Amino acid sequence: MKEKNKMHCPVCSNTYKLSDKVILDINNTVFHIECFNHQFSPKQLGIFIEVIAGNEIFHEFLPVS
């Protein structure tokens, strides 16, 4: 069962760690770099926490401080 308010890779289904290297595609889907299949153009490349912090649609997944 998937955890609430945790993002998972749509390819491998693993929960993202804050330091994972990810790609955000033009459909606003986040993938692990190693899982990205190049079906759509990449929009942003970076560390998971930076990618979600920089995109308001993902703010519900930011850790609470």
N, C-alpha and C. Protein backbone atom coordinates (compact mmCIF):
# COMPACT_ATOMS: atom_id res chain seq x y z
N MET A 1 0.84 -1.19 0.00
CA MET A 1 0.00 0.00 0.00
C MET A 1 0.88 1.25 0.00
N LYS A 2 0.55 2.22 -0.82
CA LYS A 2 1.33 3.45 -0.92
C LYS A 2 1.03 4.36 0.25
N GLU A 3 2.07 5.08 0.70
CA GLU A 3 1.92 5.99 1.81
C GLU A 3 1.23 7.27 1.36
N LYS A 4 0.45 7.87 2.25
CA LYS A 4 -0.24 9.13 1.95
C LYS A 4 0.79 10.25 1.86
N ASN A 5 0.58 11.15 0.90
CA ASN A 5 1.43 12.32 0.68
C ASN A 5 2.88 11.96 0.40
N LYS A 6 3.10 10.83 -0.23
CA LYS A 6 4.43 10.44 -0.69
C LYS A 6 4.32 10.25 -2.19
N MET A 7 5.32 10.76 -2.90
CA MET A 7 5.32 10.57 -4.35
C MET A 7 6.09 9.31 -4.71
N HIS A 8 5.58 8.62 -5.71
CA HIS A 8 6.18 7.38 -6.18
C HIS A 8 6.51 7.52 -7.66
N CYS A 9 7.56 6.90 -8.08
CA CYS A 9 7.94 6.85 -9.49
C CYS A 9 6.90 6.02 -10.24
N PRO A 10 6.37 6.53 -11.36
CA PRO A 10 5.36 5.77 -12.09
C PRO A 10 5.92 4.52 -12.80
N VAL A 11 7.23 4.41 -12.90
CA VAL A 11 7.84 3.26 -13.57
C VAL A 11 8.19 2.16 -12.57
N CYS A 12 8.98 2.51 -11.55
CA CYS A 12 9.44 1.48 -10.59
C CYS A 12 8.60 1.40 -9.32
N SER A 13 7.72 2.38 -9.11
CA SER A 13 6.81 2.46 -7.95
C SER A 13 7.50 2.72 -6.61
N ASN A 14 8.79 3.01 -6.62
CA ASN A 14 9.49 3.32 -5.38
C ASN A 14 9.19 4.75 -4.94
N THR A 15 9.08 4.94 -3.63
CA THR A 15 8.90 6.27 -3.08
C THR A 15 10.18 7.06 -3.28
N TYR A 16 10.02 8.33 -3.67
CA TYR A 16 11.20 9.17 -3.86
C TYR A 16 11.84 9.53 -2.53
N LYS A 17 13.16 9.52 -2.49
CA LYS A 17 13.92 10.06 -1.37
C LYS A 17 14.24 11.51 -1.73
N LEU A 18 14.40 12.36 -0.74
CA LEU A 18 14.63 13.79 -1.00
C LEU A 18 15.85 14.05 -1.86
N SER A 19 16.83 13.14 -1.82
CA SER A 19 18.08 13.33 -2.57
C SER A 19 18.12 12.59 -3.90
N ASP A 20 17.03 11.94 -4.30
CA ASP A 20 17.01 11.21 -5.57
C ASP A 20 17.17 12.17 -6.75
N LYS A 21 17.89 11.72 -7.77
CA LYS A 21 18.01 12.48 -9.02
C LYS A 21 16.80 12.15 -9.87
N VAL A 22 16.07 13.20 -10.29
CA VAL A 22 14.82 13.01 -11.01
C VAL A 22 14.74 13.91 -12.24
N ILE A 23 13.79 13.58 -13.09
CA ILE A 23 13.45 14.38 -14.26
C ILE A 23 11.95 14.68 -14.18
N LEU A 24 11.62 15.93 -14.43
CA LEU A 24 10.23 16.36 -14.56
C LEU A 24 9.98 16.52 -16.06
N ASP A 25 8.95 15.83 -16.59
CA ASP A 25 8.71 15.95 -18.03
C ASP A 25 7.66 17.04 -18.31
N ILE A 26 7.38 17.26 -19.59
CA ILE A 26 6.46 18.34 -19.97
C ILE A 26 5.03 18.09 -19.52
N ASN A 27 4.72 16.88 -19.09
CA ASN A 27 3.39 16.57 -18.55
C ASN A 27 3.36 16.68 -17.03
N ASN A 28 4.42 17.25 -16.44
CA ASN A 28 4.55 17.39 -14.99
C ASN A 28 4.56 16.04 -14.27
N THR A 29 5.16 15.05 -14.90
CA THR A 29 5.36 13.75 -14.29
C THR A 29 6.82 13.65 -13.86
N VAL A 30 7.04 13.21 -12.63
CA VAL A 30 8.40 13.08 -12.09
C VAL A 30 8.83 11.62 -12.22
N PHE A 31 10.06 11.42 -12.73
CA PHE A 31 10.64 10.08 -12.89
C PHE A 31 12.02 10.06 -12.26
N HIS A 32 12.44 8.90 -11.75
CA HIS A 32 13.86 8.73 -11.44
C HIS A 32 14.62 8.86 -12.76
N ILE A 33 15.82 9.39 -12.73
CA ILE A 33 16.59 9.53 -13.96
C ILE A 33 16.74 8.19 -14.65
N GLU A 34 17.01 7.13 -13.89
CA GLU A 34 17.22 5.82 -14.50
C GLU A 34 15.93 5.18 -15.01
N CYS A 35 14.78 5.71 -14.63
CA CYS A 35 13.50 5.17 -15.08
C CYS A 35 12.90 5.95 -16.26
N PHE A 36 13.44 7.12 -16.54
CA PHE A 36 12.88 7.99 -17.58
C PHE A 36 13.06 7.34 -18.95
N ASN A 37 11.97 7.25 -19.72
CA ASN A 37 12.00 6.54 -21.01
C ASN A 37 12.03 7.46 -22.23
N HIS A 38 12.14 8.75 -22.02
CA HIS A 38 12.24 9.74 -23.11
C HIS A 38 11.02 9.78 -24.01
N GLN A 39 9.88 9.31 -23.52
CA GLN A 39 8.66 9.39 -24.32
C GLN A 39 8.25 10.85 -24.52
N PHE A 40 8.44 11.67 -23.49
CA PHE A 40 8.14 13.09 -23.56
C PHE A 40 9.40 13.88 -23.23
N SER A 41 9.44 15.11 -23.66
CA SER A 41 10.62 15.94 -23.44
C SER A 41 10.78 16.28 -21.96
N PRO A 42 12.04 16.27 -21.48
CA PRO A 42 12.27 16.69 -20.10
C PRO A 42 12.08 18.20 -19.95
N LYS A 43 11.52 18.59 -18.83
CA LYS A 43 11.28 19.99 -18.52
C LYS A 43 12.29 20.49 -17.48
N GLN A 44 12.62 19.62 -16.54
CA GLN A 44 13.55 19.98 -15.46
C GLN A 44 14.29 18.73 -14.99
N LEU A 45 15.54 18.91 -14.66
CA LEU A 45 16.39 17.84 -14.17
C LEU A 45 16.98 18.30 -12.85
N GLY A 46 16.99 17.46 -11.84
CA GLY A 46 17.58 17.87 -10.57
C GLY A 46 17.32 16.88 -9.46
N ILE A 47 17.58 17.35 -8.25
CA ILE A 47 17.34 16.58 -7.03
C ILE A 47 15.85 16.69 -6.69
N PHE A 48 15.26 15.60 -6.25
CA PHE A 48 13.81 15.55 -6.00
C PHE A 48 13.31 16.75 -5.18
N ILE A 49 13.93 17.05 -4.06
CA ILE A 49 13.44 18.13 -3.19
C ILE A 49 13.47 19.47 -3.92
N GLU A 50 14.47 19.70 -4.76
CA GLU A 50 14.55 20.97 -5.50
C GLU A 50 13.49 21.05 -6.59
N VAL A 51 13.25 19.93 -7.26
CA VAL A 51 12.25 19.91 -8.34
C VAL A 51 10.86 20.16 -7.78
N ILE A 52 10.49 19.48 -6.70
CA ILE A 52 9.14 19.67 -6.17
C ILE A 52 8.99 21.03 -5.48
N ALA A 53 10.05 21.53 -4.86
CA ALA A 53 9.98 22.85 -4.22
C ALA A 53 9.80 23.96 -5.25
N GLY A 54 10.33 23.75 -6.44
CA GLY A 54 10.25 24.76 -7.48
C GLY A 54 8.98 24.71 -8.31
N ASN A 55 8.09 23.79 -8.02
CA ASN A 55 6.85 23.64 -8.77
C ASN A 55 5.68 23.58 -7.80
N GLU A 56 4.86 24.62 -7.80
CA GLU A 56 3.79 24.77 -6.82
C GLU A 56 2.83 23.59 -6.79
N ILE A 57 2.63 22.92 -7.91
CA ILE A 57 1.68 21.80 -7.93
C ILE A 57 2.12 20.64 -7.05
N PHE A 58 3.40 20.61 -6.65
CA PHE A 58 3.92 19.52 -5.82
C PHE A 58 4.12 19.91 -4.36
N HIS A 59 3.74 21.11 -3.96
CA HIS A 59 4.04 21.58 -2.61
C HIS A 59 3.42 20.72 -1.51
N GLU A 60 2.34 20.02 -1.79
CA GLU A 60 1.75 19.14 -0.77
C GLU A 60 2.67 17.99 -0.40
N PHE A 61 3.68 17.73 -1.24
CA PHE A 61 4.63 16.64 -0.99
C PHE A 61 5.90 17.11 -0.30
N LEU A 62 6.01 18.42 -0.04
CA LEU A 62 7.20 18.92 0.65
C LEU A 62 7.16 18.49 2.11
N PRO A 63 8.31 18.18 2.67
CA PRO A 63 8.34 17.81 4.09
C PRO A 63 7.93 18.99 4.96
N VAL A 64 7.24 18.69 6.03
CA VAL A 64 6.82 19.73 6.98
C VAL A 64 7.96 19.98 7.94
N SER A 65 8.29 21.26 8.10
CA SER A 65 9.41 21.57 9.02
C SER A 65 8.92 22.02 10.36
